[in-house]
C-alpha atoms as a PDB file:
ATOM      1  CA  MET A   1       9.990   5.621  -4.365  1.00  0.00           C
ATOM      2  CA  LYS A   2       7.285   3.004  -4.955  1.00  0.00           C
ATOM      3  CA  GLN A   3       5.028   5.464  -6.769  1.00  0.00           C
ATOM      4  CA  TYR A   4       7.858   6.687  -9.017  1.00  0.00           C
ATOM      5  CA  TYR A   5       9.526   3.331  -9.736  1.00  0.00           C
ATOM      6  CA  PRO A   6       6.966   0.569  -9.135  1.00  0.00           C
ATOM      7  CA  ASP A   7       9.060  -2.041 -10.938  1.00  0.00           C
ATOM      8  CA  TRP A   8      12.170  -1.522  -8.772  1.00  0.00           C
ATOM      9  CA  LYS A   9      13.019  -4.069  -6.098  1.00  0.00           C
ATOM     10  CA  LEU A  10      15.210  -3.621  -3.034  1.00  0.00           C
ATOM     11  CA  ASN A  11      16.941  -6.608  -1.461  1.00  0.00           C
ATOM     12  CA  ILE A  12      18.395  -6.007   1.993  1.00  0.00           C
ATOM     13  CA  PHE A  13      20.973  -8.509   3.222  1.00  0.00           C
ATOM     14  CA  GLY A  14      21.960  -9.215   6.821  1.00  0.00           C
ATOM     15  CA  ASN A  15      20.240 -10.063  10.072  1.00  0.00           C
ATOM     16  CA  GLY A  16      21.214  -7.279  12.454  1.00  0.00           C
ATOM     17  CA  GLU A  17      19.278  -5.819  15.333  1.00  0.00           C
ATOM     18  CA  LEU A  18      16.934  -3.860  13.036  1.00  0.00           C
ATOM     19  CA  PHE A  19      15.769  -6.924  11.080  1.00  0.00           C
ATOM     20  CA  GLU A  20      12.404  -7.260  12.873  1.00  0.00           C
ATOM     21  CA  PHE A  21      11.856  -3.504  12.918  1.00  0.00           C
ATOM     22  CA  LEU A  22      12.428  -3.325   9.151  1.00  0.00           C
ATOM     23  CA  ASN A  23      10.230  -6.350   8.557  1.00  0.00           C
ATOM     24  CA  LYS A  24       7.332  -4.713  10.447  1.00  0.00           C
ATOM     25  CA  LYS A  25       7.823  -1.432   8.551  1.00  0.00           C
ATOM     26  CA  ILE A  26       7.824  -3.230   5.206  1.00  0.00           C
ATOM     27  CA  GLN A  27       4.538  -4.890   6.118  1.00  0.00           C
ATOM     28  CA  ALA A  28       2.996  -1.723   7.559  1.00  0.00           C
ATOM     29  CA  LEU A  29       3.828   0.190   4.371  1.00  0.00           C
ATOM     30  CA  ALA A  30       2.667  -2.681   2.120  1.00  0.00           C
ATOM     31  CA  LEU A  31       6.082  -2.922   0.467  1.00  0.00           C
ATOM     32  CA  GLU A  32       6.373  -6.714   0.428  1.00  0.00           C
ATOM     33  CA  ASN A  33       6.509  -6.727  -3.381  1.00  0.00           C
ATOM     34  CA  GLN A  34       9.223  -4.050  -3.511  1.00  0.00           C
ATOM     35  CA  VAL A  35      11.442  -4.754  -0.480  1.00  0.00           C
ATOM     36  CA  SER A  36      12.816  -8.119   0.604  1.00  0.00           C
ATOM     37  CA  LEU A  37      14.839  -8.931   3.701  1.00  0.00           C
ATOM     38  CA  LYS A  38      17.144 -11.674   2.468  1.00  0.00           C
ATOM     39  CA  GLY A  39      19.072 -12.447   5.647  1.00  0.00           C
ATOM     40  CA  VAL A  40      22.700 -13.472   5.436  1.00  0.00           C
ATOM     41  CA  SER A  41      24.063 -14.479   2.034  1.00  0.00           C
ATOM     42  CA  SER A  42      27.041 -16.740   1.582  1.00  0.00           C
ATOM     43  CA  GLN A  43      27.429 -15.294  -1.928  1.00  0.00           C
ATOM     44  CA  ILE A  44      27.172 -11.573  -1.243  1.00  0.00           C
ATOM     45  CA  GLU A  45      29.673 -10.760  -3.996  1.00  0.00           C
ATOM     46  CA  LYS A  46      27.280 -12.187  -6.588  1.00  0.00           C
ATOM     47  CA  GLU A  47      24.462 -10.132  -5.093  1.00  0.00           C
ATOM     48  CA  TYR A  48      26.528  -6.952  -5.450  1.00  0.00           C
ATOM     49  CA  GLU A  49      27.393  -7.836  -9.036  1.00  0.00           C
ATOM     50  CA  SER A  50      23.715  -8.358  -9.819  1.00  0.00           C
ATOM     51  CA  GLY A  51      22.877  -4.934  -8.403  1.00  0.00           C
ATOM     52  CA  SER A  52      25.708  -3.219 -10.218  1.00  0.00           C
ATOM     53  CA  SER A  53      24.143  -4.043 -13.593  1.00  0.00           C
ATOM     54  CA  LYS A  54      21.078  -2.052 -12.497  1.00  0.00           C
ATOM     55  CA  ILE A  55      23.292   0.921 -11.667  1.00  0.00           C
ATOM     56  CA  VAL A  56      24.843   0.807 -15.133  1.00  0.00           C
ATOM     57  CA  GLU A  57      21.321   0.744 -16.571  1.00  0.00           C
ATOM     58  CA  LEU A  58      20.401   3.787 -14.471  1.00  0.00           C
ATOM     59  CA  ILE A  59      23.486   5.703 -15.581  1.00  0.00           C
ATOM     60  CA  GLY A  60      22.403   5.226 -19.184  1.00  0.00           C
ATOM     61  CA  ASN A  61      18.857   6.490 -18.620  1.00  0.00           C
ATOM     62  CA  GLN A  62      18.851  10.279 -18.375  1.00  0.00           C
ATOM     63  CA  SER A  63      15.105  10.693 -17.767  1.00  0.00           C
ATOM     64  CA  VAL A  64      15.265   8.408 -14.710  1.00  0.00           C
ATOM     65  CA  ARG A  65      18.336  10.236 -13.382  1.00  0.00           C
ATOM     66  CA  VAL A  66      16.575  13.588 -13.739  1.00  0.00           C
ATOM     67  CA  ARG A  67      13.446  12.346 -11.937  1.00  0.00           C
ATOM     68  CA  MET A  68      15.540  10.879  -9.145  1.00  0.00           C
ATOM     69  CA  SER A  69      17.520  14.058  -8.631  1.00  0.00           C
ATOM     70  CA  GLU A  70      14.341  16.147  -8.552  1.00  0.00           C
ATOM     71  CA  ASN A  71      12.980  13.989  -5.741  1.00  0.00           C
ATOM     72  CA  ALA A  72      16.256  13.544  -3.844  1.00  0.00           C
ATOM     73  CA  LYS A  73      15.897  16.526  -1.511  1.00  0.00           C
ATOM     74  CA  GLU A  74      12.388  15.601  -0.425  1.00  0.00           C
ATOM     75  CA  VAL A  75      13.319  11.971   0.091  1.00  0.00           C
ATOM     76  CA  SER A  76      16.469  12.821   2.050  1.00  0.00           C
ATOM     77  CA  ARG A  77      14.479  15.020   4.437  1.00  0.00           C
ATOM     78  CA  LYS A  78      11.821  12.355   4.851  1.00  0.00           C
ATOM     79  CA  TYR A  79      14.390   9.689   5.736  1.00  0.00           C
ATOM     80  CA  SER A  80      16.953  11.697   7.640  1.00  0.00           C
ATOM     81  CA  LEU A  81      18.930   9.906  10.340  1.00  0.00           C
ATOM     82  CA  SER A  82      17.194  11.860  13.106  1.00  0.00           C
ATOM     83  CA  ILE A  83      13.745  10.822  11.867  1.00  0.00           C
ATOM     84  CA  ILE A  84      14.781   7.179  11.506  1.00  0.00           C
ATOM     85  CA  MET A  85      16.337   7.112  14.975  1.00  0.00           C
ATOM     86  CA  TYR A  86      13.191   8.708  16.422  1.00  0.00           C
ATOM     87  CA  HIS A  87      11.062   5.918  14.949  1.00  0.00           C
ATOM     88  CA  VAL A  88      13.490   3.246  16.137  1.00  0.00           C
ATOM     89  CA  SER A  89      13.406   4.640  19.677  1.00  0.00           C
ATOM     90  CA  MET A  90       9.593   4.803  19.610  1.00  0.00           C
ATOM     91  CA  GLU A  91       9.426   1.163  18.498  1.00  0.00           C
ATOM     92  CA  ARG A  92      11.590   0.167  21.447  1.00  0.00           C
ATOM     93  CA  ILE A  93       9.329   2.053  23.860  1.00  0.00           C
ATOM     94  CA  ILE A  94       6.191   0.397  22.526  1.00  0.00           C
END
């Protein structure tokens, strides 16, 4: 998604068992400027509200919606649950 939407940012909240794994992946893929692991938020409702304004913006932008739908199948194959779980299991082995 970085090449298609370089100005988009993803904030991930929580500190579950995949926190370190995700942190390493973000660094390995040089996504530090696009993806942030925020940890636990005591004001998660405000975070959701902030993100919802971006969704409304997306709904109003047909060209972005069309580009996203064209890429959706490729992206969904690339990040299927089986592929993600394979990488998680390999990380645990190493």
